[in-house]
PDB file of N, CA and C in Angstrom:
ATOM      1  N   UNK A   1       8.905  -3.265 -19.059  1.00  0.00           N
ATOM      2  CA  UNK A   1       7.782  -3.602 -18.202  1.00  0.00           C
ATOM      3  C   UNK A   1       6.814  -2.419 -18.181  1.00  0.00           C
ATOM      4  N   UNK A   2       5.543  -2.710 -18.288  1.00  0.00           N
ATOM      5  CA  UNK A   2       4.533  -1.666 -18.323  1.00  0.00           C
ATOM      6  C   UNK A   2       3.757  -1.646 -17.012  1.00  0.00           C
ATOM      7  N   UNK A   3       4.451  -1.351 -15.927  1.00  0.00           N
ATOM      8  CA  UNK A   3       3.852  -1.347 -14.589  1.00  0.00           C
ATOM      9  C   UNK A   3       3.718   0.099 -14.120  1.00  0.00           C
ATOM     10  N   UNK A   4       2.482   0.516 -13.851  1.00  0.00           N
ATOM     11  CA  UNK A   4       2.252   1.899 -13.434  1.00  0.00           C
ATOM     12  C   UNK A   4       2.993   2.230 -12.137  1.00  0.00           C
ATOM     13  N   UNK A   5       3.075   1.270 -11.196  1.00  0.00           N
ATOM     14  CA  UNK A   5       3.760   1.550  -9.937  1.00  0.00           C
ATOM     15  C   UNK A   5       5.266   1.662 -10.139  1.00  0.00           C
ATOM     16  N   UNK A   6       5.828   0.866 -11.041  1.00  0.00           N
ATOM     17  CA  UNK A   6       7.260   1.004 -11.356  1.00  0.00           C
ATOM     18  C   UNK A   6       7.530   2.380 -11.958  1.00  0.00           C
ATOM     19  N   UNK A   7       6.595   2.867 -12.775  1.00  0.00           N
ATOM     20  CA  UNK A   7       6.747   4.199 -13.365  1.00  0.00           C
ATOM     21  C   UNK A   7       6.654   5.289 -12.306  1.00  0.00           C
ATOM     22  N   UNK A   8       5.821   5.089 -11.293  1.00  0.00           N
ATOM     23  CA  UNK A   8       5.754   6.040 -10.180  1.00  0.00           C
ATOM     24  C   UNK A   8       7.069   6.022  -9.409  1.00  0.00           C
ATOM     25  N   UNK A   9       7.613   4.824  -9.168  1.00  0.00           N
ATOM     26  CA  UNK A   9       8.905   4.708  -8.468  1.00  0.00           C
ATOM     27  C   UNK A   9       9.995   5.446  -9.230  1.00  0.00           C
ATOM     28  N   UNK A  10      10.050   5.279 -10.542  1.00  0.00           N
ATOM     29  CA  UNK A  10      11.106   5.918 -11.341  1.00  0.00           C
ATOM     30  C   UNK A  10      10.866   7.405 -11.545  1.00  0.00           C
ATOM     31  N   UNK A  11       9.651   7.875 -11.241  1.00  0.00           N
ATOM     32  CA  UNK A  11       9.352   9.295 -11.348  1.00  0.00           C
ATOM     33  C   UNK A  11       8.759   9.732 -12.669  1.00  0.00           C
ATOM     34  N   UNK A  12       8.500   8.795 -13.583  1.00  0.00           N
ATOM     35  CA  UNK A  12       7.937   9.185 -14.873  1.00  0.00           C
ATOM     36  C   UNK A  12       6.425   9.432 -14.798  1.00  0.00           C
ATOM     37  N   UNK A  13       5.784   8.974 -13.727  1.00  0.00           N
ATOM     38  CA  UNK A  13       4.386   9.297 -13.445  1.00  0.00           C
ATOM     39  C   UNK A  13       4.372   9.968 -12.078  1.00  0.00           C
ATOM     40  N   UNK A  14       3.768  11.159 -11.983  1.00  0.00           N
ATOM     41  CA  UNK A  14       3.757  11.865 -10.694  1.00  0.00           C
ATOM     42  C   UNK A  14       2.834  11.189  -9.677  1.00  0.00           C
ATOM     43  N   UNK A  15       3.139  11.424  -8.415  1.00  0.00           N
ATOM     44  CA  UNK A  15       2.292  10.924  -7.331  1.00  0.00           C
ATOM     45  C   UNK A  15       2.368  11.910  -6.178  1.00  0.00           C
ATOM     46  N   UNK A  16       1.434  11.782  -5.272  1.00  0.00           N
ATOM     47  CA  UNK A  16       1.415  12.611  -4.071  1.00  0.00           C
ATOM     48  C   UNK A  16       2.073  11.806  -2.950  1.00  0.00           C
ATOM     49  N   UNK A  17       3.410  11.866  -2.904  1.00  0.00           N
ATOM     50  CA  UNK A  17       4.187  11.055  -1.959  1.00  0.00           C
ATOM     51  C   UNK A  17       3.959  11.514  -0.524  1.00  0.00           C
ATOM     52  N   UNK A  18       3.855  10.513   0.356  1.00  0.00           N
ATOM     53  CA  UNK A  18       3.782  10.811   1.792  1.00  0.00           C
ATOM     54  C   UNK A  18       4.941  10.167   2.540  1.00  0.00           C
ATOM     55  N   UNK A  19       5.651   9.221   1.893  1.00  0.00           N
ATOM     56  CA  UNK A  19       6.774   8.546   2.541  1.00  0.00           C
ATOM     57  C   UNK A  19       7.657   7.940   1.460  1.00  0.00           C
ATOM     58  N   UNK A  20       8.965   8.004   1.707  1.00  0.00           N
ATOM     59  CA  UNK A  20       9.900   7.338   0.808  1.00  0.00           C
ATOM     60  C   UNK A  20      11.184   7.061   1.565  1.00  0.00           C
ATOM     61  N   UNK A  21      11.694   5.853   1.370  1.00  0.00           N
ATOM     62  CA  UNK A  21      13.033   5.518   1.844  1.00  0.00           C
ATOM     63  C   UNK A  21      13.700   4.687   0.750  1.00  0.00           C
ATOM     64  N   UNK A  22      14.750   4.002   1.080  1.00  0.00           N
ATOM     65  CA  UNK A  22      15.509   3.255   0.085  1.00  0.00           C
ATOM     66  C   UNK A  22      14.710   2.129  -0.571  1.00  0.00           C
ATOM     67  N   UNK A  23      13.769   1.540   0.174  1.00  0.00           N
ATOM     68  CA  UNK A  23      13.076   0.343  -0.297  1.00  0.00           C
ATOM     69  C   UNK A  23      11.578   0.511  -0.529  1.00  0.00           C
ATOM     70  N   UNK A  24      10.984   1.545   0.042  1.00  0.00           N
ATOM     71  CA  UNK A  24       9.527   1.681   0.075  1.00  0.00           C
ATOM     72  C   UNK A  24       9.123   3.081  -0.393  1.00  0.00           C
ATOM     73  N   UNK A  25       7.984   3.137  -1.078  1.00  0.00           N
ATOM     74  CA  UNK A  25       7.378   4.398  -1.487  1.00  0.00           C
ATOM     75  C   UNK A  25       5.906   4.351  -1.107  1.00  0.00           C
ATOM     76  N   UNK A  26       5.384   5.446  -0.581  1.00  0.00           N
ATOM     77  CA  UNK A  26       3.969   5.538  -0.244  1.00  0.00           C
ATOM     78  C   UNK A  26       3.407   6.833  -0.807  1.00  0.00           C
ATOM     79  N   UNK A  27       2.193   6.733  -1.348  1.00  0.00           N
ATOM     80  CA  UNK A  27       1.568   7.894  -1.967  1.00  0.00           C
ATOM     81  C   UNK A  27       0.056   7.798  -1.838  1.00  0.00           C
ATOM     82  N   UNK A  28      -0.611   8.929  -1.979  1.00  0.00           N
ATOM     83  CA  UNK A  28      -2.065   8.975  -1.849  1.00  0.00           C
ATOM     84  C   UNK A  28      -2.733   8.290  -3.040  1.00  0.00           C
ATOM     85  N   UNK A  29      -3.776   7.504  -2.735  1.00  0.00           N
ATOM     86  CA  UNK A  29      -4.564   6.850  -3.772  1.00  0.00           C
ATOM     87  C   UNK A  29      -5.346   7.921  -4.534  1.00  0.00           C
ATOM     88  N   UNK A  30      -5.401   7.814  -5.852  1.00  0.00           N
ATOM     89  CA  UNK A  30      -6.112   8.820  -6.640  1.00  0.00           C
ATOM     90  C   UNK A  30      -7.631   8.626  -6.611  1.00  0.00           C
ATOM     91  N   UNK A  31      -8.083   7.469  -6.108  1.00  0.00           N
ATOM     92  CA  UNK A  31      -9.514   7.216  -5.927  1.00  0.00           C
ATOM     93  C   UNK A  31      -9.733   6.724  -4.492  1.00  0.00           C
ATOM     94  N   UNK A  32      -9.607   7.633  -3.513  1.00  0.00           N
ATOM     95  CA  UNK A  32      -9.646   7.194  -2.113  1.00  0.00           C
ATOM     96  C   UNK A  32     -10.983   6.596  -1.703  1.00  0.00           C
ATOM     97  N   UNK A  33     -10.893   5.527  -0.907  1.00  0.00           N
ATOM     98  CA  UNK A  33     -12.074   4.847  -0.370  1.00  0.00           C
ATOM     99  C   UNK A  33     -12.354   5.275   1.066  1.00  0.00           C
ATOM    100  N   UNK A  34     -11.517   6.152   1.627  1.00  0.00           N
ATOM    101  CA  UNK A  34     -11.657   6.646   2.992  1.00  0.00           C
ATOM    102  C   UNK A  34     -10.930   7.991   3.051  1.00  0.00           C
ATOM    103  N   UNK A  35     -11.164   8.772   4.117  1.00  0.00           N
ATOM    104  CA  UNK A  35     -10.472  10.057   4.216  1.00  0.00           C
ATOM    105  C   UNK A  35      -8.949   9.938   4.114  1.00  0.00           C
ATOM    106  N   UNK A  36      -8.397   8.890   4.690  1.00  0.00           N
ATOM    107  CA  UNK A  36      -6.976   8.585   4.512  1.00  0.00           C
ATOM    108  C   UNK A  36      -6.892   7.292   3.718  1.00  0.00           C
ATOM    109  N   UNK A  37      -6.288   7.361   2.534  1.00  0.00           N
ATOM    110  CA  UNK A  37      -6.120   6.171   1.698  1.00  0.00           C
ATOM    111  C   UNK A  37      -4.782   6.312   0.986  1.00  0.00           C
ATOM    112  N   UNK A  38      -3.822   5.571   1.479  1.00  0.00           N
ATOM    113  CA  UNK A  38      -2.446   5.662   0.989  1.00  0.00           C
ATOM    114  C   UNK A  38      -2.011   4.291   0.498  1.00  0.00           C
ATOM    115  N   UNK A  39      -1.337   4.270  -0.636  1.00  0.00           N
ATOM    116  CA  UNK A  39      -0.777   3.035  -1.178  1.00  0.00           C
ATOM    117  C   UNK A  39       0.688   2.950  -0.769  1.00  0.00           C
ATOM    118  N   UNK A  40       1.097   1.797  -0.275  1.00  0.00           N
ATOM    119  CA  UNK A  40       2.477   1.569   0.151  1.00  0.00           C
ATOM    120  C   UNK A  40       3.023   0.435  -0.704  1.00  0.00           C
ATOM    121  N   UNK A  41       4.130   0.709  -1.409  1.00  0.00           N
ATOM    122  CA  UNK A  41       4.681  -0.268  -2.350  1.00  0.00           C
ATOM    123  C   UNK A  41       6.180  -0.456  -2.121  1.00  0.00           C
ATOM    124  N   UNK A  42       6.676  -1.639  -2.444  1.00  0.00           N
ATOM    125  CA  UNK A  42       8.131  -1.786  -2.486  1.00  0.00           C
ATOM    126  C   UNK A  42       8.639  -1.150  -3.780  1.00  0.00           C
ATOM    127  N   UNK A  43       9.824  -0.612  -3.746  1.00  0.00           N
ATOM    128  CA  UNK A  43      10.415  -0.068  -4.968  1.00  0.00           C
ATOM    129  C   UNK A  43      10.790  -1.186  -5.936  1.00  0.00           C
ATOM    130  N   UNK A  44      11.057  -2.355  -5.394  1.00  0.00           N
ATOM    131  CA  UNK A  44      11.336  -3.528  -6.224  1.00  0.00           C
ATOM    132  C   UNK A  44      10.020  -4.073  -6.770  1.00  0.00           C
ATOM    133  N   UNK A  45       9.990  -4.401  -8.037  1.00  0.00           N
ATOM    134  CA  UNK A  45       8.778  -4.979  -8.615  1.00  0.00           C
ATOM    135  C   UNK A  45       8.609  -6.427  -8.143  1.00  0.00           C
ATOM    136  N   UNK A  46       7.510  -6.657  -7.454  1.00  0.00           N
ATOM    137  CA  UNK A  46       7.066  -7.991  -7.049  1.00  0.00           C
ATOM    138  C   UNK A  46       5.587  -8.018  -7.408  1.00  0.00           C
ATOM    139  N   UNK A  47       5.168  -8.944  -8.240  1.00  0.00           N
ATOM    140  CA  UNK A  47       3.809  -8.906  -8.781  1.00  0.00           C
ATOM    141  C   UNK A  47       2.721  -9.102  -7.725  1.00  0.00           C
ATOM    142  N   UNK A  48       2.828 -10.141  -6.905  1.00  0.00           N
ATOM    143  CA  UNK A  48       1.794 -10.441  -5.911  1.00  0.00           C
ATOM    144  C   UNK A  48       2.456 -10.979  -4.646  1.00  0.00           C
ATOM    145  N   UNK A  49       1.663 -11.115  -3.605  1.00  0.00           N
ATOM    146  CA  UNK A  49       2.170 -11.701  -2.364  1.00  0.00           C
ATOM    147  C   UNK A  49       2.704 -13.110  -2.618  1.00  0.00           C
ATOM    148  N   UNK A  50       2.122 -13.831  -3.553  1.00  0.00           N
ATOM    149  CA  UNK A  50       2.595 -15.175  -3.881  1.00  0.00           C
ATOM    150  C   UNK A  50       3.978 -15.168  -4.517  1.00  0.00           C
ATOM    151  N   UNK A  51       4.407 -14.025  -5.022  1.00  0.00           N
ATOM    152  CA  UNK A  51       5.707 -13.905  -5.673  1.00  0.00           C
ATOM    153  C   UNK A  51       6.803 -13.398  -4.734  1.00  0.00           C
ATOM    154  N   UNK A  52       6.462 -13.153  -3.478  1.00  0.00           N
ATOM    155  CA  UNK A  52       7.462 -12.714  -2.504  1.00  0.00           C
ATOM    156  C   UNK A  52       8.410 -13.880  -2.247  1.00  0.00           C
ATOM    157  N   UNK A  53       9.694 -13.668  -2.508  1.00  0.00           N
ATOM    158  CA  UNK A  53      10.713 -14.701  -2.290  1.00  0.00           C
ATOM    159  C   UNK A  53      11.374 -14.485  -0.936  1.00  0.00           C
ATOM    160  N   UNK A  54      12.104 -15.482  -0.507  1.00  0.00           N
ATOM    161  CA  UNK A  54      12.761 -15.394   0.801  1.00  0.00           C
ATOM    162  C   UNK A  54      13.604 -14.130   0.923  1.00  0.00           C
ATOM    163  N   UNK A  55      14.282 -13.739  -0.156  1.00  0.00           N
ATOM    164  CA  UNK A  55      15.126 -12.546  -0.092  1.00  0.00           C
ATOM    165  C   UNK A  55      14.304 -11.251  -0.023  1.00  0.00           C
ATOM    166  N   UNK A  56      12.968 -11.351  -0.204  1.00  0.00           N
ATOM    167  CA  UNK A  56      12.086 -10.181  -0.145  1.00  0.00           C
ATOM    168  C   UNK A  56      11.414 -10.003   1.216  1.00  0.00           C
ATOM    169  N   UNK A  57      11.561 -10.961   2.115  1.00  0.00           N
ATOM    170  CA  UNK A  57      10.860 -10.878   3.396  1.00  0.00           C
ATOM    171  C   UNK A  57      11.181  -9.596   4.157  1.00  0.00           C
ATOM    172  N   UNK A  58      12.400  -9.121   4.079  1.00  0.00           N
ATOM    173  CA  UNK A  58      12.757  -7.882   4.775  1.00  0.00           C
ATOM    174  C   UNK A  58      11.988  -6.696   4.208  1.00  0.00           C
ATOM    175  N   UNK A  59      11.732  -6.705   2.908  1.00  0.00           N
ATOM    176  CA  UNK A  59      10.979  -5.612   2.285  1.00  0.00           C
ATOM    177  C   UNK A  59       9.555  -5.573   2.836  1.00  0.00           C
ATOM    178  N   UNK A  60       8.969  -6.743   3.075  1.00  0.00           N
ATOM    179  CA  UNK A  60       7.617  -6.785   3.653  1.00  0.00           C
ATOM    180  C   UNK A  60       7.642  -6.156   5.046  1.00  0.00           C
ATOM    181  N   UNK A  61       8.670  -6.440   5.817  1.00  0.00           N
ATOM    182  CA  UNK A  61       8.827  -5.793   7.114  1.00  0.00           C
ATOM    183  C   UNK A  61       8.993  -4.286   6.980  1.00  0.00           C
ATOM    184  N   UNK A  62       9.750  -3.854   5.975  1.00  0.00           N
ATOM    185  CA  UNK A  62       9.933  -2.417   5.729  1.00  0.00           C
ATOM    186  C   UNK A  62       8.597  -1.748   5.414  1.00  0.00           C
ATOM    187  N   UNK A  63       7.744  -2.431   4.661  1.00  0.00           N
ATOM    188  CA  UNK A  63       6.431  -1.886   4.327  1.00  0.00           C
ATOM    189  C   UNK A  63       5.598  -1.716   5.593  1.00  0.00           C
ATOM    190  N   UNK A  64       5.636  -2.701   6.468  1.00  0.00           N
ATOM    191  CA  UNK A  64       4.857  -2.624   7.714  1.00  0.00           C
ATOM    192  C   UNK A  64       5.404  -1.525   8.628  1.00  0.00           C
ATOM    193  N   UNK A  65       6.702  -1.375   8.668  1.00  0.00           N
ATOM    194  CA  UNK A  65       7.305  -0.287   9.447  1.00  0.00           C
ATOM    195  C   UNK A  65       6.857   1.059   8.898  1.00  0.00           C
ATOM    196  N   UNK A  66       6.843   1.193   7.570  1.00  0.00           N
ATOM    197  CA  UNK A  66       6.386   2.429   6.932  1.00  0.00           C
ATOM    198  C   UNK A  66       4.919   2.684   7.261  1.00  0.00           C
ATOM    199  N   UNK A  67       4.098   1.635   7.265  1.00  0.00           N
ATOM    200  CA  UNK A  67       2.676   1.792   7.582  1.00  0.00           C
ATOM    201  C   UNK A  67       2.483   2.362   8.981  1.00  0.00           C
ATOM    202  N   UNK A  68       3.233   1.858   9.950  1.00  0.00           N
ATOM    203  CA  UNK A  68       3.140   2.392  11.315  1.00  0.00           C
ATOM    204  C   UNK A  68       3.502   3.875  11.334  1.00  0.00           C
ATOM    205  N   UNK A  69       4.596   4.221  10.684  1.00  0.00           N
ATOM    206  CA  UNK A  69       5.072   5.603  10.635  1.00  0.00           C
ATOM    207  C   UNK A  69       4.026   6.515   9.978  1.00  0.00           C
ATOM    208  N   UNK A  70       3.488   6.078   8.847  1.00  0.00           N
ATOM    209  CA  UNK A  70       2.508   6.886   8.114  1.00  0.00           C
ATOM    210  C   UNK A  70       1.234   7.052   8.934  1.00  0.00           C
ATOM    211  N   UNK A  71       0.765   5.984   9.572  1.00  0.00           N
ATOM    212  CA  UNK A  71      -0.445   6.066  10.393  1.00  0.00           C
ATOM    213  C   UNK A  71      -0.266   7.089  11.509  1.00  0.00           C
ATOM    214  N   UNK A  72       0.908   7.091  12.129  1.00  0.00           N
ATOM    215  CA  UNK A  72       1.172   8.098  13.175  1.00  0.00           C
ATOM    216  C   UNK A  72       1.163   9.505  12.578  1.00  0.00           C
ATOM    217  N   UNK A  73       1.855   9.684  11.459  1.00  0.00           N
ATOM    218  CA  UNK A  73       1.922  11.006  10.823  1.00  0.00           C
ATOM    219  C   UNK A  73       0.553  11.501  10.355  1.00  0.00           C
ATOM    220  N   UNK A  74      -0.299  10.592   9.922  1.00  0.00           N
ATOM    221  CA  UNK A  74      -1.623  10.962   9.431  1.00  0.00           C
ATOM    222  C   UNK A  74      -2.636  11.128  10.558  1.00  0.00           C
ATOM    223  N   UNK A  75      -2.222  10.819  11.795  1.00  0.00           N
ATOM    224  CA  UNK A  75      -3.091  10.989  12.948  1.00  0.00           C
ATOM    225  C   UNK A  75      -4.163   9.915  13.093  1.00  0.00           C
ATOM    226  N   UNK A  76      -3.916   8.729  12.526  1.00  0.00           N
ATOM    227  CA  UNK A  76      -4.917   7.660  12.618  1.00  0.00           C
ATOM    228  C   UNK A  76      -4.427   6.438  13.392  1.00  0.00           C
ATOM    229  N   UNK A  77      -3.215   6.504  13.914  1.00  0.00           N
ATOM    230  CA  UNK A  77      -2.659   5.340  14.614  1.00  0.00           C
ATOM    231  C   UNK A  77      -3.482   4.984  15.850  1.00  0.00           C
ATOM    232  N   UNK A  78      -3.947   5.980  16.562  1.00  0.00           N
ATOM    233  CA  UNK A  78      -4.685   5.714  17.805  1.00  0.00           C
ATOM    234  C   UNK A  78      -6.136   5.316  17.557  1.00  0.00           C
ATOM    235  N   UNK A  79      -6.766   5.904  16.553  1.00  0.00           N
ATOM    236  CA  UNK A  79      -8.183   5.610  16.309  1.00  0.00           C
ATOM    237  C   UNK A  79      -8.380   4.346  15.485  1.00  0.00           C
ATOM    238  N   UNK A  80      -7.384   3.977  14.689  1.00  0.00           N
ATOM    239  CA  UNK A  80      -7.442   2.720  13.950  1.00  0.00           C
ATOM    240  C   UNK A  80      -7.402   2.905  12.447  1.00  0.00           C
ATOM    241  N   UNK A  81      -6.921   1.869  11.800  1.00  0.00           N
ATOM    242  CA  UNK A  81      -6.787   1.868  10.347  1.00  0.00           C
ATOM    243  C   UNK A  81      -6.714   0.430   9.866  1.00  0.00           C
ATOM    244  N   UNK A  82      -6.830   0.264   8.558  1.00  0.00           N
ATOM    245  CA  UNK A  82      -6.650  -1.042   7.944  1.00  0.00           C
ATOM    246  C   UNK A  82      -5.427  -1.004   7.051  1.00  0.00           C
ATOM    247  N   UNK A  83      -4.736  -2.135   7.019  1.00  0.00           N
ATOM    248  CA  UNK A  83      -3.621  -2.331   6.104  1.00  0.00           C
ATOM    249  C   UNK A  83      -4.002  -3.550   5.275  1.00  0.00           C
ATOM    250  N   UNK A  84      -4.312  -3.324   3.992  1.00  0.00           N
ATOM    251  CA  UNK A  84      -4.908  -4.352   3.147  1.00  0.00           C
ATOM    252  C   UNK A  84      -3.980  -4.677   1.982  1.00  0.00           C
ATOM    253  N   UNK A  85      -3.777  -5.963   1.752  1.00  0.00           N
ATOM    254  CA  UNK A  85      -3.058  -6.430   0.573  1.00  0.00           C
ATOM    255  C   UNK A  85      -3.977  -7.386  -0.178  1.00  0.00           C
ATOM    256  N   UNK A  86      -4.274  -7.068  -1.416  1.00  0.00           N
ATOM    257  CA  UNK A  86      -5.064  -7.954  -2.263  1.00  0.00           C
ATOM    258  C   UNK A  86      -4.108  -8.790  -3.100  1.00  0.00           C
ATOM    259  N   UNK A  87      -4.362 -10.090  -3.166  1.00  0.00           N
ATOM    260  CA  UNK A  87      -3.480 -10.996  -3.902  1.00  0.00           C
ATOM    261  C   UNK A  87      -4.270 -11.746  -4.954  1.00  0.00           C
ATOM    262  N   UNK A  88      -4.074 -11.384  -6.207  1.00  0.00           N
ATOM    263  CA  UNK A  88      -4.714 -12.087  -7.312  1.00  0.00           C
ATOM    264  C   UNK A  88      -6.023 -11.463  -7.742  1.00  0.00           C
ATOM    265  N   UNK A  89      -6.504 -11.938  -8.854  1.00  0.00           N
ATOM    266  CA  UNK A  89      -7.683 -11.380  -9.502  1.00  0.00           C
ATOM    267  C   UNK A  89      -8.931 -11.473  -8.628  1.00  0.00           C
ATOM    268  N   UNK A  90      -9.186 -12.620  -8.006  1.00  0.00           N
ATOM    269  CA  UNK A  90     -10.397 -12.780  -7.196  1.00  0.00           C
ATOM    270  C   UNK A  90     -10.428 -11.864  -5.984  1.00  0.00           C
ATOM    271  N   UNK A  91      -9.287 -11.395  -5.534  1.00  0.00           N
ATOM    272  CA  UNK A  91      -9.241 -10.491  -4.388  1.00  0.00           C
ATOM    273  C   UNK A  91      -9.521  -9.051  -4.789  1.00  0.00           C
ATOM    274  N   UNK A  92      -9.461  -8.788  -6.076  1.00  0.00           N
ATOM    275  CA  UNK A  92      -9.646  -7.420  -6.558  1.00  0.00           C
ATOM    276  C   UNK A  92      -8.343  -6.728  -6.898  1.00  0.00           C
ATOM    277  N   UNK A  93      -7.220  -7.452  -6.901  1.00  0.00           N
ATOM    278  CA  UNK A  93      -5.948  -6.828  -7.257  1.00  0.00           C
ATOM    279  C   UNK A  93      -6.017  -6.366  -8.704  1.00  0.00           C
ATOM    280  N   UNK A  94      -5.797  -5.083  -8.922  1.00  0.00           N
ATOM    281  CA  UNK A  94      -5.852  -4.505 -10.262  1.00  0.00           C
ATOM    282  C   UNK A  94      -4.475  -4.200 -10.824  1.00  0.00           C
ATOM    283  N   UNK A  95      -3.555  -3.794  -9.944  1.00  0.00           N
ATOM    284  CA  UNK A  95      -2.186  -3.506 -10.366  1.00  0.00           C
ATOM    285  C   UNK A  95      -1.307  -4.628  -9.837  1.00  0.00           C
ATOM    286  N   UNK A  96      -0.627  -5.321 -10.738  1.00  0.00           N
ATOM    287  CA  UNK A  96       0.171  -6.471 -10.340  1.00  0.00           C
ATOM    288  C   UNK A  96       1.605  -6.063 -10.021  1.00  0.00           C
ATOM    289  N   UNK A  97       1.688  -5.253  -8.982  1.00  0.00           N
ATOM    290  CA  UNK A  97       2.906  -4.846  -8.279  1.00  0.00           C
ATOM    291  C   UNK A  97       2.429  -4.810  -6.839  1.00  0.00           C
ATOM    292  N   UNK A  98       2.980  -5.668  -6.007  1.00  0.00           N
ATOM    293  CA  UNK A  98       2.484  -5.800  -4.638  1.00  0.00           C
ATOM    294  C   UNK A  98       2.328  -4.420  -4.002  1.00  0.00           C
ATOM    295  N   UNK A  99       1.189  -4.230  -3.343  1.00  0.00           N
ATOM    296  CA  UNK A  99       0.940  -2.956  -2.671  1.00  0.00           C
ATOM    297  C   UNK A  99      -0.047  -3.176  -1.532  1.00  0.00           C
ATOM    298  N   UNK A 100       0.039  -2.285  -0.583  1.00  0.00           N
ATOM    299  CA  UNK A 100      -0.845  -2.297   0.572  1.00  0.00           C
ATOM    300  C   UNK A 100      -1.648  -1.009   0.571  1.00  0.00           C
ATOM    301  N   UNK A 101      -2.921  -1.122   0.912  1.00  0.00           N
ATOM    302  CA  UNK A 101      -3.777   0.038   1.091  1.00  0.00           C
ATOM    303  C   UNK A 101      -3.816   0.339   2.587  1.00  0.00           C
ATOM    304  N   UNK A 102      -3.406   1.514   2.980  1.00  0.00           N
ATOM    305  CA  UNK A 102      -3.557   1.973   4.353  1.00  0.00           C
ATOM    306  C   UNK A 102      -4.756   2.899   4.338  1.00  0.00           C
ATOM    307  N   UNK A 103      -5.842   2.473   4.975  1.00  0.00           N
ATOM    308  CA  UNK A 103      -7.077   3.249   4.963  1.00  0.00           C
ATOM    309  C   UNK A 103      -7.543   3.526   6.381  1.00  0.00           C
ATOM    310  N   UNK A 104      -8.079   4.700   6.581  1.00  0.00           N
ATOM    311  CA  UNK A 104      -8.584   5.091   7.888  1.00  0.00           C
ATOM    312  C   UNK A 104      -9.125   6.505   7.853  1.00  0.00           C
ATOM    313  N   UNK A 105      -9.246   7.078   9.037  1.00  0.00           N
ATOM    314  CA  UNK A 105      -9.751   8.435   9.150  1.00  0.00           C
ATOM    315  C   UNK A 105     -11.235   8.512   9.408  1.00  0.00           C
ATOM    316  N   UNK A 106     -11.883   7.347   9.521  1.00  0.00           N
ATOM    317  CA  UNK A 106     -13.300   7.259   9.855  1.00  0.00           C
ATOM    318  C   UNK A 106     -13.569   5.837  10.337  1.00  0.00           C
ATOM    319  N   UNK A 107     -14.738   5.626  10.920  1.00  0.00           N
ATOM    320  CA  UNK A 107     -15.113   4.277  11.325  1.00  0.00           C
ATOM    321  C   UNK A 107     -15.362   3.470  10.056  1.00  0.00           C
ATOM    322  N   UNK A 108     -14.567   2.439   9.834  1.00  0.00           N
ATOM    323  CA  UNK A 108     -14.629   1.661   8.604  1.00  0.00           C
ATOM    324  C   UNK A 108     -15.671   0.542   8.637  1.00  0.00           C
ATOM    325  N   UNK A 109     -16.219   0.261   9.796  1.00  0.00           N
ATOM    326  CA  UNK A 109     -17.231  -0.780   9.901  1.00  0.00           C
ATOM    327  C   UNK A 109     -16.627  -2.157   9.722  1.00  0.00           C
ATOM    328  N   UNK A 110     -17.485  -3.173   9.551  1.00  0.00           N
ATOM    329  CA  UNK A 110     -16.992  -4.535   9.392  1.00  0.00           C
ATOM    330  C   UNK A 110     -16.215  -4.680   8.079  1.00  0.00           C
ATOM    331  N   UNK A 111     -15.252  -5.565   8.077  1.00  0.00           N
ATOM    332  CA  UNK A 111     -14.422  -5.776   6.887  1.00  0.00           C
ATOM    333  C   UNK A 111     -15.262  -6.328   5.741  1.00  0.00           C
ATOM    334  N   UNK A 112     -16.047  -7.331   6.021  1.00  0.00           N
ATOM    335  CA  UNK A 112     -16.900  -7.940   4.997  1.00  0.00           C
ATOM    336  C   UNK A 112     -18.340  -7.920   5.492  1.00  0.00           C
ATOM    337  N   UNK A 113     -19.248  -7.618   4.607  1.00  0.00           N
ATOM    338  CA  UNK A 113     -20.651  -7.658   4.985  1.00  0.00           C
ATOM    339  C   UNK A 113     -21.241  -8.996   4.553  1.00  0.00           C
ATOM    340  N   UNK A 114     -22.136  -9.491   5.331  1.00  0.00           N
ATOM    341  CA  UNK A 114     -22.806 -10.768   5.004  1.00  0.00           C
ATOM    342  C   UNK A 114     -24.122 -10.418   4.311  1.00  0.00           C
ATOM    343  N   UNK A 115     -24.278 -10.946   3.123  1.00  0.00           N
ATOM    344  CA  UNK A 115     -25.503 -10.629   2.356  1.00  0.00           C
ATOM    345  C   UNK A 115     -26.578 -11.653   2.586  1.00  0.00           C
TER     346      UNK A 115
END
């Protein structure tokens, strides 16, 4: 499998880790969109949210638990942050290994702008 996130999990590609446990890995995005921009991934390869199976539901909970912990550690839990999961090409998903963007550290404004 040629998945960049799987390679980060196995350690063959370096990352700036901020959290790791048995099921979840979190690291700084190399192209941050906000002062705090961390990617949170399951260690198990799951391509998209649509591919999450019943036996994976606990991993999704683990990711959310990690997000709370990381937000507190990064000092953004009180001021606010976004936890974003893109699913599929139209959403902008570029890496097909489920991941969440935890972004914050500034006023992020409205989620979507109306043109």
